[in-house]
Amino acid sequence: MKKVVFLLESGLLLMGISLFSQTYLVNTDYLIIENNSYLIINGNVNNQSSGNFYLTGTNSNVIVQNDITNDGNINSSGIIDLYGDWINNSAYSHNSTSYVKLKGANQNIGGSVSTTFYNLYLEGTGVKTLGNNQNVDGTLNLNDRELATQNYTMTVNNPLVASVQRTTGFVSSTVGGGLARATNSTSAYLYPVGVSGKYRPAELTPSSSSSSIYKVRMADGDATNEGYNRSNKASDICEVNPSFFHIMHQTNGSENNANVKVYFDNSSDGNWSKVGYWNNNIWNNYIGSSTNSGSPLYYGETDSAINLTTSLPIALTIGAPIINLTATNNIICNGDSTTLYAEGANSFIWSNNLGANPSVIVTPSSNTTYSVTGSNGPDCSSTASISITVNPSPNVSIYKQDESCIDAEDGMVWIVFNDNPLMDYDIYINSNPVLNDTIYNLAPGEYTLNVNYENNCSKTFNFILNPGTEDCYITHIYVPNVFSPDNIGNADNEYLKVYGKGIKTIDFGIFDRWGNEVFHTQDISVGWDGTYKGQPALAGDYTYILVVNFLNGKRETLSGHILLIR
């Protein structure tokens, strides 16, 4: 059985007790701190190449006021409170109850061999600085401290989301350095990166739960200084953030794309609208990326998972304006107007000398395309276009005739096309369809007449038919008693008609000597042409019976003879 020996610079030999010393410890055999024991060393610890430094219990505790230099073997199940530097040049092992707590002022974590801590807690004051690559298998708790990795990497191998903790602490890095985290879920993993006075974290959400490691660095300053020229940008980018950017890289595992969030302080960083990336020597925007308000930080995010299998610079950008151009109607009729609306920029300039208002009224006479340029500032503009289709409208005129007599209700209106109709059309008067271009028997009053093309374009007329002023109710009816249709164009002889004044309706029949009705009409404008059943009627005497309704309300029945001469 080995003996537990404490060899102190003062030459004292102590066993199995808690020891306070104001000197540094040089261990040449075994130093074992058992459970529920603690050792306070007011100096340095140098674990030499043949030394074995063990903390065997979860409550074993070593408090070192200065540095720990390990050239031998340290195995810890307990707690090491360190106020100086951690210098590891050999083997360090742990179990899940092991803690190393950095409680001093500015402290370095280095040595010639990387250390894999289980739980590493940053406490005390000042900055904790890496001198080589370091690892944490359990929890990295930044508390309120800055972990400066310089050009090295701190890797947290625990894939739990809560394996990195903080209050106000953050990880800063220079070129090549960063914070790496293992993942095995599709949860959001926080990377609390930044620099003093500028905490600008990132968040990665893997698209699958396969085991992966992602590394993130926040680069303070202009990306151009690291070779990512901000002036080289796609046409849809107005500006790339000059204040900071991030480097992201999936360093381990099969390809596992991730959604990305990058945080910013809009009050000091300005306002940004997109998330961009550097590829083929040019900055590009992620399609669908956007920025959102938050508290205390705003954030930009991609709307889909991105490939990070190569080291990828990512920065906030101001995207060129996305102009939304609409019209009250994209299809109008000739002579009509439509209003164009532009949105998505701070200012606008329209084509066709339409000015700079966000909305304009246009009345094109033919199919026309309008464009507008929207701007959010110098060298930050884009253009959108909209086409307006103009359908033909009926080219018509109307003519009217007022009522002829008082209460005659014989007003009329007729339509004249100024050119040939271009398509089928319908006619409505006071919303009622009519079949003919001439509309008879209209009472005095106000009317609306519509001529509608089948393309839904129309011409509308509003007119007034004035009432008659002459009393036309004197009964006057006349039927000629002789007529001779001669077929030589003599209009007076070609038809036998009823004539009169103040007539509202008629019922007119003509009979031959045998009582056969050879002609009948109720239309005063229609006369007998002297035929019967399509053949010329025989010359001779015919009888008529005429029933007349006058506009004054009177009714009269007349009869008489007509002589047809051939």
Protein backbone atom coordinates (compact mmCIF):
# COMPACT_ATOMS: atom_id res chain seq x y z
CA MET A 1 0.00 0.00 0.00
CA LYS A 2 1.39 3.37 -1.09
CA LYS A 3 1.95 6.04 1.46
CA VAL A 4 0.35 9.44 1.01
CA VAL A 5 3.09 12.00 1.17
CA PHE A 6 2.86 15.79 1.14
CA LEU A 7 6.29 17.18 0.33
CA LEU A 8 6.47 20.88 1.01
CA GLU A 9 9.17 23.35 0.27
CA SER A 10 9.58 23.81 4.01
CA GLY A 11 10.51 20.13 4.34
CA LEU A 12 7.49 19.18 6.43
CA LEU A 13 6.02 15.68 5.95
CA LEU A 14 2.25 15.53 6.54
CA MET A 15 -0.33 12.75 6.03
CA GLY A 16 -4.12 12.55 5.58
CA ILE A 17 -5.08 16.01 6.86
CA SER A 18 -6.14 19.34 5.50
CA LEU A 19 -3.10 21.50 5.05
CA PHE A 20 -2.58 25.23 4.68
CA SER A 21 0.71 26.28 3.21
CA GLN A 22 2.22 29.55 2.12
CA THR A 23 4.73 27.81 -0.10
CA TYR A 24 4.45 25.98 -3.49
CA LEU A 25 4.16 22.21 -3.71
CA VAL A 26 6.58 20.03 -5.64
CA ASN A 27 5.19 16.53 -5.92
CA THR A 28 7.68 13.68 -6.51
CA ASP A 29 5.35 10.75 -5.80
CA TYR A 30 1.60 10.86 -5.06
CA LEU A 31 -0.47 13.74 -3.80
CA ILE A 32 -3.94 12.43 -2.95
CA ILE A 33 -6.74 14.68 -1.75
CA GLU A 34 -9.42 12.37 -0.46
CA ASN A 35 -13.15 13.02 -0.25
CA ASN A 36 -14.17 15.73 2.21
CA SER A 37 -10.57 16.97 2.37
CA TYR A 38 -9.13 20.16 1.06
CA LEU A 39 -5.76 21.71 0.53
CA ILE A 40 -5.01 25.42 0.32
CA ILE A 41 -1.70 26.35 -1.27
CA ASN A 42 -0.66 29.99 -1.11
CA GLY A 43 1.77 29.56 -3.95
CA ASN A 44 2.36 27.52 -7.09
CA VAL A 45 1.76 23.83 -7.71
CA ASN A 46 4.34 22.05 -9.84
CA ASN A 47 3.37 18.45 -10.53
CA GLN A 48 6.65 17.06 -11.87
CA SER A 49 6.97 14.42 -14.55
CA SER A 50 7.02 11.61 -11.95
CA GLY A 51 4.27 13.17 -9.90
CA ASN A 52 0.67 12.00 -9.50
CA PHE A 53 -1.85 14.56 -8.30
CA TYR A 54 -5.20 12.96 -7.41
CA LEU A 55 -8.48 14.37 -6.16
CA THR A 56 -10.36 11.20 -5.34
CA GLY A 57 -13.74 12.40 -4.02
CA THR A 58 -16.49 14.64 -5.23
CA ASN A 59 -15.93 16.83 -2.18
CA SER A 60 -12.15 16.87 -2.42
CA ASN A 61 -10.94 20.40 -2.99
CA VAL A 62 -7.62 22.04 -3.81
CA ILE A 63 -7.29 25.81 -3.66
CA VAL A 64 -4.20 27.13 -5.43
CA GLN A 65 -3.43 30.82 -5.05
CA ASN A 66 -0.96 30.92 -7.96
CA ASP A 67 -0.24 28.67 -10.97
CA ILE A 68 -0.66 24.96 -11.56
CA THR A 69 2.01 23.44 -13.80
CA ASN A 70 1.43 19.82 -14.70
CA ASP A 71 4.34 17.79 -16.10
CA GLY A 72 3.09 14.53 -14.63
CA ASN A 73 -0.39 13.12 -14.12
CA ILE A 74 -3.45 14.86 -12.69
CA ASN A 75 -6.65 12.89 -12.13
CA SER A 76 -9.57 14.76 -10.62
CA SER A 77 -12.97 13.81 -9.27
CA GLY A 78 -13.19 16.95 -7.19
CA ILE A 79 -12.79 20.69 -7.38
CA ILE A 80 -9.71 22.72 -8.24
CA ASP A 81 -10.03 26.41 -7.39
CA LEU A 82 -7.24 28.17 -9.29
CA TYR A 83 -6.19 31.82 -8.92
CA GLY A 84 -3.21 31.67 -11.26
CA ASP A 85 -2.54 30.12 -14.67
CA TRP A 86 -3.29 26.59 -15.82
CA ILE A 87 -0.21 25.14 -17.51
CA ASN A 88 -0.67 21.57 -18.70
CA ASN A 89 2.28 19.81 -20.31
CA SER A 90 1.23 16.23 -19.69
CA ALA A 91 -1.78 14.10 -18.75
CA TYR A 92 -5.00 15.37 -17.18
CA SER A 93 -8.00 13.11 -16.66
CA HIS A 94 -11.34 13.58 -14.93
CA ASN A 95 -14.71 12.13 -14.19
CA SER A 96 -18.15 13.76 -14.31
CA THR A 97 -17.79 15.33 -10.85
CA SER A 98 -14.65 17.25 -11.74
CA TYR A 99 -14.53 21.05 -11.74
CA VAL A 100 -11.78 23.51 -12.54
CA LYS A 101 -12.77 26.99 -11.43
CA LEU A 102 -10.68 29.93 -12.56
CA LYS A 103 -11.13 32.43 -9.74
CA GLY A 104 -8.27 34.83 -10.22
CA ALA A 105 -7.76 37.98 -12.21
CA ASN A 106 -6.42 37.68 -15.77
CA GLN A 107 -5.58 33.98 -16.19
CA ASN A 108 -4.09 31.84 -18.95
CA ILE A 109 -5.12 28.32 -19.91
CA GLY A 110 -2.25 26.78 -21.79
CA GLY A 111 0.76 24.54 -21.76
CA SER A 112 2.19 22.27 -24.42
CA VAL A 113 -0.69 19.78 -24.20
CA SER A 114 -4.38 20.53 -24.65
CA THR A 115 -6.52 19.91 -21.62
CA THR A 116 -9.91 18.25 -21.70
CA PHE A 117 -11.76 19.56 -18.67
CA TYR A 118 -15.06 18.18 -17.52
CA ASN A 119 -16.57 21.30 -15.98
CA LEU A 120 -14.74 24.58 -16.54
CA TYR A 121 -16.07 27.62 -14.70
CA LEU A 122 -14.78 31.13 -15.33
CA GLU A 123 -15.02 33.27 -12.20
CA GLY A 124 -13.06 36.02 -10.49
CA THR A 125 -12.09 39.04 -12.55
CA GLY A 126 -10.27 39.85 -15.74
CA VAL A 127 -9.99 37.87 -18.98
CA LYS A 128 -9.34 34.13 -19.24
CA THR A 129 -7.07 33.50 -22.22
CA LEU A 130 -6.30 30.29 -24.13
CA GLY A 131 -2.73 29.46 -24.96
CA ASN A 132 -3.65 26.40 -27.01
CA ASN A 133 -6.73 24.42 -28.06
CA GLN A 134 -8.85 23.33 -25.08
CA ASN A 135 -11.83 21.03 -24.56
CA VAL A 136 -14.73 20.66 -22.14
CA ASP A 137 -16.62 17.39 -21.78
CA GLY A 138 -19.26 18.69 -19.37
CA THR A 139 -20.18 22.34 -18.89
CA LEU A 140 -18.41 25.52 -19.88
CA ASN A 141 -19.77 28.25 -17.62
CA LEU A 142 -18.59 31.69 -18.68
CA ASN A 143 -20.47 33.46 -15.91
CA ASP A 144 -19.64 37.16 -16.44
CA ARG A 145 -16.13 36.63 -17.87
CA GLU A 146 -14.54 36.97 -21.29
CA LEU A 147 -12.92 33.83 -22.64
CA ALA A 148 -10.31 35.01 -25.15
CA THR A 149 -9.46 32.02 -27.34
CA GLN A 150 -7.09 34.10 -29.49
CA ASN A 151 -6.37 31.95 -32.57
CA TYR A 152 -7.21 28.75 -30.69
CA THR A 153 -10.45 26.82 -30.31
CA MET A 154 -12.46 26.01 -27.21
CA THR A 155 -14.46 22.86 -27.98
CA VAL A 156 -17.42 21.80 -25.84
CA ASN A 157 -17.94 18.09 -26.49
CA ASN A 158 -21.16 17.83 -24.50
CA PRO A 159 -24.05 18.02 -27.03
CA LEU A 160 -26.60 19.24 -24.51
CA VAL A 161 -27.96 22.69 -25.33
CA ALA A 162 -27.22 23.83 -21.75
CA SER A 163 -23.58 22.74 -21.86
CA VAL A 164 -22.54 26.37 -22.42
CA GLN A 165 -23.78 28.75 -19.75
CA ARG A 166 -23.34 32.44 -19.03
CA THR A 167 -24.72 35.49 -17.33
CA THR A 168 -22.96 38.25 -19.28
CA GLY A 169 -19.82 36.37 -20.31
CA PHE A 170 -18.74 35.79 -23.91
CA VAL A 171 -16.08 34.17 -26.09
CA SER A 172 -13.76 36.39 -28.13
CA SER A 173 -11.40 35.12 -30.84
CA THR A 174 -8.93 36.24 -33.45
CA VAL A 175 -8.43 34.73 -36.91
CA GLY A 176 -8.49 30.94 -36.71
CA GLY A 177 -9.99 30.80 -33.23
CA GLY A 178 -13.51 30.29 -32.03
CA LEU A 179 -16.01 28.37 -29.94
CA ALA A 180 -16.90 24.86 -31.14
CA ARG A 181 -19.89 22.92 -29.88
CA ALA A 182 -20.98 19.32 -30.34
CA THR A 183 -24.64 18.80 -31.30
CA ASN A 184 -26.94 15.81 -31.51
CA SER A 185 -30.38 17.39 -31.75
CA THR A 186 -32.35 19.84 -33.85
CA SER A 187 -32.49 22.34 -30.99
CA ALA A 188 -31.04 25.85 -31.17
CA TYR A 189 -27.42 26.03 -29.90
CA LEU A 190 -26.18 29.38 -28.62
CA TYR A 191 -22.68 30.59 -29.41
CA PRO A 192 -22.11 33.51 -26.98
CA VAL A 193 -19.42 35.25 -29.01
CA GLY A 194 -18.33 38.86 -29.09
CA VAL A 195 -15.66 41.26 -27.95
CA SER A 196 -15.50 43.66 -25.04
CA GLY A 197 -18.40 46.07 -25.36
CA LYS A 198 -19.87 44.21 -28.33
CA TYR A 199 -21.69 40.99 -27.54
CA ARG A 200 -22.91 39.59 -30.87
CA PRO A 201 -23.88 35.94 -30.40
CA ALA A 202 -24.96 33.45 -33.03
CA GLU A 203 -27.37 30.56 -32.90
CA LEU A 204 -27.27 27.39 -34.98
CA THR A 205 -30.14 24.93 -35.35
CA PRO A 206 -29.02 21.70 -37.04
CA SER A 207 -31.44 20.15 -39.51
CA SER A 208 -30.85 16.63 -38.16
CA SER A 209 -29.90 15.02 -34.85
CA SER A 210 -26.79 13.34 -36.24
CA SER A 211 -23.63 14.02 -34.24
CA SER A 212 -21.89 17.14 -35.48
CA ILE A 213 -19.52 19.85 -34.32
CA TYR A 214 -19.92 23.48 -35.42
CA LYS A 215 -17.43 26.25 -34.79
CA VAL A 216 -18.30 29.95 -34.65
CA ARG A 217 -16.16 33.06 -34.39
CA MET A 218 -17.34 36.65 -34.18
CA ALA A 219 -14.88 38.79 -36.14
CA ASP A 220 -14.80 42.37 -34.91
CA GLY A 221 -14.39 44.98 -37.63
CA ASP A 222 -14.58 45.26 -41.39
CA ALA A 223 -14.68 41.95 -43.28
CA THR A 224 -12.56 43.57 -45.98
CA ASN A 225 -9.62 43.51 -43.57
CA GLU A 226 -9.71 39.72 -43.57
CA GLY A 227 -10.01 39.39 -47.34
CA TYR A 228 -13.79 39.48 -47.73
CA ASN A 229 -14.12 42.72 -49.66
CA ARG A 230 -17.41 44.38 -48.75
CA SER A 231 -17.41 46.22 -52.07
CA ASN A 232 -17.72 42.94 -53.94
CA LYS A 233 -21.42 42.34 -53.55
CA ALA A 234 -24.32 41.03 -55.58
CA SER A 235 -26.75 43.48 -57.15
CA ASP A 236 -29.38 42.76 -54.52
CA ILE A 237 -27.10 43.96 -51.71
CA CYS A 238 -26.73 47.64 -50.91
CA GLU A 239 -24.32 47.32 -47.99
CA VAL A 240 -22.47 44.68 -45.95
CA ASN A 241 -22.10 45.28 -42.21
CA PRO A 242 -18.73 47.05 -41.65
CA SER A 243 -18.76 46.52 -37.88
CA PHE A 244 -18.54 42.73 -37.50
CA PHE A 245 -19.22 39.39 -39.15
CA HIS A 246 -19.14 35.71 -38.18
CA ILE A 247 -17.14 32.74 -39.40
CA MET A 248 -19.08 29.48 -39.18
CA HIS A 249 -17.86 25.98 -39.95
CA GLN A 250 -19.09 22.44 -39.43
CA THR A 251 -15.82 20.81 -38.42
CA ASN A 252 -17.01 17.29 -37.66
CA GLY A 253 -19.77 14.87 -38.68
CA SER A 254 -21.55 14.13 -41.92
CA GLU A 255 -23.04 17.10 -43.74
CA ASN A 256 -25.70 18.57 -41.47
CA ASN A 257 -27.06 21.88 -42.69
CA ALA A 258 -28.19 24.35 -40.05
CA ASN A 259 -30.43 27.36 -39.74
CA VAL A 260 -28.50 30.43 -38.66
CA LYS A 261 -29.29 33.42 -36.48
CA VAL A 262 -26.87 36.28 -35.93
CA TYR A 263 -27.65 38.93 -33.34
CA PHE A 264 -27.01 42.67 -33.47
CA ASP A 265 -27.69 45.84 -31.53
CA ASN A 266 -29.76 48.05 -33.79
CA SER A 267 -29.05 51.12 -31.68
CA SER A 268 -25.29 50.93 -32.25
CA ASP A 269 -24.94 48.65 -35.29
CA GLY A 270 -27.70 50.26 -37.34
CA ASN A 271 -30.58 48.59 -39.09
CA TRP A 272 -30.06 45.59 -41.37
CA SER A 273 -32.53 43.66 -43.48
CA LYS A 274 -30.81 40.48 -44.72
CA VAL A 275 -28.19 37.85 -43.94
CA GLY A 276 -25.41 37.46 -46.50
CA TYR A 277 -22.50 35.09 -47.10
CA TRP A 278 -19.19 35.21 -48.91
CA ASN A 279 -18.85 32.83 -51.87
CA ASN A 280 -16.72 32.96 -55.03
CA ASN A 281 -15.23 36.30 -54.00
CA ILE A 282 -18.58 38.05 -53.69
CA TRP A 283 -21.12 38.73 -50.99
CA ASN A 284 -24.54 37.20 -51.67
CA ASN A 285 -27.80 37.37 -49.79
CA TYR A 286 -29.48 34.25 -48.52
CA ILE A 287 -32.79 34.10 -50.36
CA GLY A 288 -35.62 34.57 -47.89
CA SER A 289 -33.36 35.78 -45.08
CA SER A 290 -34.70 38.56 -42.89
CA THR A 291 -34.12 40.52 -39.71
CA ASN A 292 -36.42 40.75 -36.73
CA SER A 293 -36.74 42.86 -33.62
CA GLY A 294 -35.91 41.33 -30.27
CA SER A 295 -34.86 42.22 -26.76
CA PRO A 296 -32.20 43.10 -25.92
CA LEU A 297 -30.82 42.27 -29.38
CA TYR A 298 -32.30 42.16 -32.86
CA TYR A 299 -31.37 39.23 -35.07
CA GLY A 300 -31.01 38.21 -38.67
CA GLU A 301 -31.89 34.70 -39.74
CA THR A 302 -31.91 32.41 -42.74
CA ASP A 303 -35.24 30.87 -43.66
CA SER A 304 -33.69 27.51 -44.52
CA ALA A 305 -30.77 25.37 -43.39
CA ILE A 306 -27.42 26.23 -44.98
CA ASN A 307 -24.31 24.17 -45.69
CA LEU A 308 -21.43 24.93 -43.34
CA THR A 309 -19.05 22.13 -44.30
CA THR A 310 -16.56 24.77 -45.44
CA SER A 311 -15.58 27.80 -43.40
CA LEU A 312 -18.17 30.42 -44.28
CA PRO A 313 -18.11 34.18 -43.57
CA ILE A 314 -21.62 35.40 -42.73
CA ALA A 315 -22.63 39.05 -42.29
CA LEU A 316 -25.68 41.20 -41.94
CA THR A 317 -26.58 43.15 -45.06
CA ILE A 318 -28.94 45.79 -46.31
CA GLY A 319 -30.78 44.24 -49.22
CA ALA A 320 -31.75 46.30 -52.20
CA PRO A 321 -35.39 47.37 -51.89
CA ILE A 322 -37.93 44.76 -52.88
CA ILE A 323 -40.47 46.86 -54.71
CA ASN A 324 -44.09 45.76 -54.51
CA LEU A 325 -45.88 47.34 -57.46
CA THR A 326 -49.66 46.98 -57.76
CA ALA A 327 -52.57 48.59 -59.58
CA THR A 328 -56.22 49.05 -58.67
CA ASN A 329 -56.93 47.37 -62.02
CA ASN A 330 -54.38 45.74 -64.31
CA ILE A 331 -56.93 45.48 -67.11
CA ILE A 332 -58.90 48.60 -67.96
CA CYS A 333 -61.08 49.89 -70.76
CA ASN A 334 -60.01 52.60 -73.15
CA GLY A 335 -60.67 55.96 -71.53
CA ASP A 336 -60.58 54.62 -67.98
CA SER A 337 -57.93 55.29 -65.32
CA THR A 338 -56.13 53.09 -62.82
CA THR A 339 -53.94 53.91 -59.81
CA LEU A 340 -50.43 52.46 -59.49
CA TYR A 341 -49.01 51.87 -55.98
CA ALA A 342 -45.32 51.34 -55.09
CA GLU A 343 -44.14 50.01 -51.72
CA GLY A 344 -40.87 48.73 -50.26
CA ALA A 345 -38.49 51.71 -50.49
CA ASN A 346 -37.95 55.12 -48.96
CA SER A 347 -38.33 57.06 -52.21
CA PHE A 348 -39.51 56.42 -55.76
CA ILE A 349 -39.05 57.73 -59.28
CA TRP A 350 -41.56 56.66 -61.97
CA SER A 351 -41.02 56.23 -65.67
CA ASN A 352 -43.13 58.11 -68.22
CA ASN A 353 -42.52 61.38 -66.34
CA LEU A 354 -45.02 60.38 -63.67
CA GLY A 355 -43.10 61.96 -60.80
CA ALA A 356 -41.98 60.72 -57.40
CA ASN A 357 -45.13 59.99 -55.42
CA PRO A 358 -45.64 56.41 -54.15
CA SER A 359 -48.97 56.29 -56.03
CA VAL A 360 -49.89 57.74 -59.43
CA ILE A 361 -53.04 57.78 -61.58
CA VAL A 362 -52.60 56.76 -65.23
CA THR A 363 -54.98 56.75 -68.21
CA PRO A 364 -53.21 54.83 -70.99
CA SER A 365 -54.83 54.65 -74.42
CA SER A 366 -53.07 51.38 -75.29
CA ASN A 367 -51.27 48.55 -73.55
CA THR A 368 -48.49 50.19 -71.49
CA THR A 369 -45.71 49.03 -69.15
CA TYR A 370 -44.79 51.35 -66.29
CA SER A 371 -41.66 51.05 -64.15
CA VAL A 372 -40.62 52.59 -60.85
CA THR A 373 -37.20 52.80 -59.20
CA GLY A 374 -37.25 52.59 -55.43
CA SER A 375 -34.30 53.76 -53.34
CA ASN A 376 -33.23 53.39 -49.72
CA GLY A 377 -30.24 55.66 -50.12
CA PRO A 378 -27.22 56.20 -52.38
CA ASP A 379 -26.34 53.11 -54.43
CA CYS A 380 -29.26 51.23 -52.90
CA SER A 381 -32.11 50.94 -55.36
CA SER A 382 -34.05 48.49 -57.48
CA THR A 383 -36.68 48.68 -60.18
CA ALA A 384 -40.04 47.01 -60.68
CA SER A 385 -42.46 47.08 -63.59
CA ILE A 386 -46.16 46.55 -64.14
CA SER A 387 -48.14 46.21 -67.35
CA ILE A 388 -51.60 47.67 -67.88
CA THR A 389 -53.79 46.09 -70.56
CA VAL A 390 -56.19 48.46 -72.30
CA ASN A 391 -59.27 46.88 -73.89
CA PRO A 392 -61.30 48.74 -76.55
CA SER A 393 -64.51 50.47 -75.53
CA PRO A 394 -67.55 51.00 -77.79
CA ASN A 395 -67.12 54.06 -80.00
CA VAL A 396 -70.73 55.16 -80.18
CA SER A 397 -72.93 58.24 -80.13
CA ILE A 398 -76.61 58.52 -79.21
CA TYR A 399 -79.40 60.67 -80.53
CA LYS A 400 -82.78 61.27 -78.94
CA GLN A 401 -86.24 62.57 -79.73
CA ASP A 402 -88.38 64.04 -76.97
CA GLU A 403 -92.00 63.19 -76.38
CA SER A 404 -94.12 64.58 -79.23
CA CYS A 405 -97.29 65.40 -77.31
CA ILE A 406 -98.37 65.74 -73.75
CA ASP A 407 -98.56 62.23 -72.22
CA ALA A 408 -97.77 60.66 -75.59
CA GLU A 409 -94.87 58.63 -74.13
CA ASP A 410 -93.45 58.31 -77.62
CA GLY A 411 -89.91 59.52 -76.94
CA MET A 412 -87.10 57.60 -78.56
CA VAL A 413 -83.35 57.19 -78.54
CA TRP A 414 -81.08 55.52 -81.06
CA ILE A 415 -77.43 54.47 -81.10
CA VAL A 416 -74.95 55.11 -83.90
CA PHE A 417 -71.56 53.32 -83.98
CA ASN A 418 -68.85 55.70 -85.16
CA ASP A 419 -66.90 52.75 -86.47
CA ASN A 420 -67.70 49.09 -86.96
CA PRO A 421 -68.32 47.28 -83.66
CA LEU A 422 -65.19 45.31 -82.71
CA MET A 423 -67.10 42.55 -80.96
CA ASP A 424 -70.52 41.49 -79.81
CA TYR A 425 -72.33 43.98 -77.63
CA ASP A 426 -75.41 44.38 -75.45
CA ILE A 427 -77.59 47.42 -74.85
CA TYR A 428 -79.26 48.31 -71.56
CA ILE A 429 -81.50 51.20 -70.71
CA ASN A 430 -81.99 51.78 -67.01
CA SER A 431 -80.43 48.31 -66.49
CA ASN A 432 -83.06 46.65 -68.71
CA PRO A 433 -81.80 44.84 -71.82
CA VAL A 434 -83.07 45.93 -75.21
CA LEU A 435 -82.68 44.15 -78.53
CA ASN A 436 -82.52 46.99 -81.03
CA ASP A 437 -80.30 49.99 -81.57
CA THR A 438 -83.43 52.19 -81.62
CA ILE A 439 -85.65 52.31 -78.57
CA TYR A 440 -89.23 53.58 -78.96
CA ASN A 441 -92.15 54.63 -76.77
CA LEU A 442 -90.16 56.15 -73.95
CA ALA A 443 -91.84 58.35 -71.35
CA PRO A 444 -90.26 61.64 -70.37
CA GLY A 445 -87.59 61.36 -67.67
CA GLU A 446 -83.97 60.60 -66.87
CA TYR A 447 -82.32 57.60 -68.50
CA THR A 448 -79.04 55.72 -68.38
CA LEU A 449 -78.06 53.85 -71.50
CA ASN A 450 -75.17 51.36 -71.56
CA VAL A 451 -73.52 49.79 -74.56
CA ASN A 452 -71.45 46.85 -73.28
CA TYR A 453 -68.80 44.99 -75.24
CA GLU A 454 -68.28 41.33 -74.38
CA ASN A 455 -64.85 42.29 -72.92
CA ASN A 456 -66.77 44.12 -70.15
CA CYS A 457 -65.89 47.51 -71.55
CA SER A 458 -68.84 49.84 -71.96
CA LYS A 459 -69.94 53.30 -72.88
CA THR A 460 -72.50 54.95 -70.63
CA PHE A 461 -74.80 57.85 -71.51
CA ASN A 462 -77.07 59.73 -69.18
CA PHE A 463 -79.80 61.74 -70.90
CA ILE A 464 -83.18 63.33 -70.34
CA LEU A 465 -86.26 62.99 -72.53
CA ASN A 466 -88.26 66.14 -72.23
CA PRO A 467 -92.04 66.00 -72.01
CA GLY A 468 -94.21 67.07 -74.90
CA THR A 469 -95.72 70.54 -74.76
CA GLU A 470 -98.45 70.21 -77.45
CA ASP A 471 -101.91 68.84 -76.71
CA CYS A 472 -102.24 66.20 -79.38
CA TYR A 473 -105.42 64.58 -78.12
CA ILE A 474 -107.79 65.92 -80.85
CA THR A 475 -109.17 62.78 -82.39
CA HIS A 476 -107.83 62.52 -85.87
CA ILE A 477 -107.84 59.30 -87.85
CA TYR A 478 -107.67 58.78 -91.56
CA VAL A 479 -107.73 55.69 -93.78
CA PRO A 480 -107.42 56.22 -97.57
CA ASN A 481 -110.29 54.67 -99.52
CA VAL A 482 -108.32 54.03 -102.73
CA PHE A 483 -104.80 52.78 -103.34
CA SER A 484 -102.95 51.32 -106.28
CA PRO A 485 -99.64 49.53 -105.57
CA ASP A 486 -97.76 49.98 -108.83
CA ASN A 487 -94.30 48.63 -107.81
CA ILE A 488 -92.57 51.57 -109.40
CA GLY A 489 -91.41 53.25 -106.18
CA ASN A 490 -94.35 55.54 -105.53
CA ALA A 491 -94.30 55.36 -101.73
CA ASP A 492 -97.74 56.87 -101.31
CA ASN A 493 -99.34 54.11 -103.34
CA GLU A 494 -97.29 51.10 -102.33
CA TYR A 495 -98.89 50.62 -98.90
CA LEU A 496 -102.26 51.33 -97.41
CA LYS A 497 -101.71 52.75 -93.92
CA VAL A 498 -103.61 54.27 -91.07
CA TYR A 499 -102.85 57.94 -90.44
CA GLY A 500 -103.79 60.11 -87.53
CA LYS A 501 -102.81 62.12 -84.48
CA GLY A 502 -102.91 61.38 -80.77
CA ILE A 503 -103.08 57.66 -81.44
CA LYS A 504 -101.83 55.25 -78.82
CA THR A 505 -102.68 51.85 -80.36
CA ILE A 506 -104.59 50.44 -83.33
CA ASP A 507 -106.06 47.15 -84.38
CA PHE A 508 -106.50 47.26 -88.19
CA GLY A 509 -108.01 44.49 -90.34
CA ILE A 510 -108.91 44.35 -94.08
CA PHE A 511 -111.39 41.81 -95.51
CA ASP A 512 -112.36 40.76 -99.04
CA ARG A 513 -115.95 40.49 -100.25
CA TRP A 514 -116.16 36.93 -98.96
CA GLY A 515 -115.11 37.90 -95.45
CA ASN A 516 -111.52 36.64 -95.60
CA GLU A 517 -109.07 38.71 -93.63
CA VAL A 518 -106.34 39.62 -96.13
CA PHE A 519 -104.35 41.90 -93.82
CA HIS A 520 -104.02 42.61 -90.07
CA THR A 521 -101.70 44.81 -88.00
CA GLN A 522 -101.44 46.50 -84.62
CA ASP A 523 -98.48 48.64 -85.71
CA ILE A 524 -99.47 51.99 -87.15
CA SER A 525 -96.24 52.12 -89.09
CA VAL A 526 -97.05 48.90 -91.00
CA GLY A 527 -99.35 49.05 -94.05
CA TRP A 528 -100.98 46.62 -96.52
CA ASP A 529 -98.99 46.06 -99.70
CA GLY A 530 -101.98 44.73 -101.66
CA THR A 531 -101.06 41.06 -101.44
CA TYR A 532 -102.83 38.07 -99.96
CA LYS A 533 -100.96 34.95 -99.03
CA GLY A 534 -97.95 36.24 -100.92
CA GLN A 535 -99.85 36.87 -104.16
CA PRO A 536 -101.28 40.13 -105.55
CA ALA A 537 -104.85 40.49 -104.30
CA LEU A 538 -107.64 40.91 -106.81
CA ALA A 539 -108.61 44.43 -107.72
CA GLY A 540 -111.89 45.53 -106.31
CA ASP A 541 -113.70 46.55 -103.16
CA TYR A 542 -112.42 45.64 -99.67
CA THR A 543 -113.77 46.37 -96.25
CA TYR A 544 -111.75 47.43 -93.18
CA ILE A 545 -112.41 47.48 -89.46
CA LEU A 546 -110.20 49.76 -87.32
CA VAL A 547 -110.15 49.91 -83.51
CA VAL A 548 -108.26 52.97 -82.22
CA ASN A 549 -107.11 53.82 -78.67
CA PHE A 550 -106.25 57.48 -78.37
CA LEU A 551 -103.76 59.04 -76.00
CA ASN A 552 -106.56 60.92 -74.32
CA GLY A 553 -108.06 57.63 -73.24
CA LYS A 554 -110.82 57.51 -75.82
CA ARG A 555 -111.54 54.43 -77.92
CA GLU A 556 -113.13 54.40 -81.34
CA THR A 557 -114.11 51.69 -83.83
CA LEU A 558 -114.25 52.66 -87.51
CA SER A 559 -115.12 50.74 -90.68
CA GLY A 560 -115.22 51.55 -94.34
CA HIS A 561 -114.39 50.50 -97.89
CA ILE A 562 -111.13 50.49 -99.80
CA LEU A 563 -110.88 50.24 -103.54
CA LEU A 564 -107.83 48.37 -104.77
CA ILE A 565 -106.97 49.42 -108.30
CA ARG A 566 -104.57 47.61 -110.57
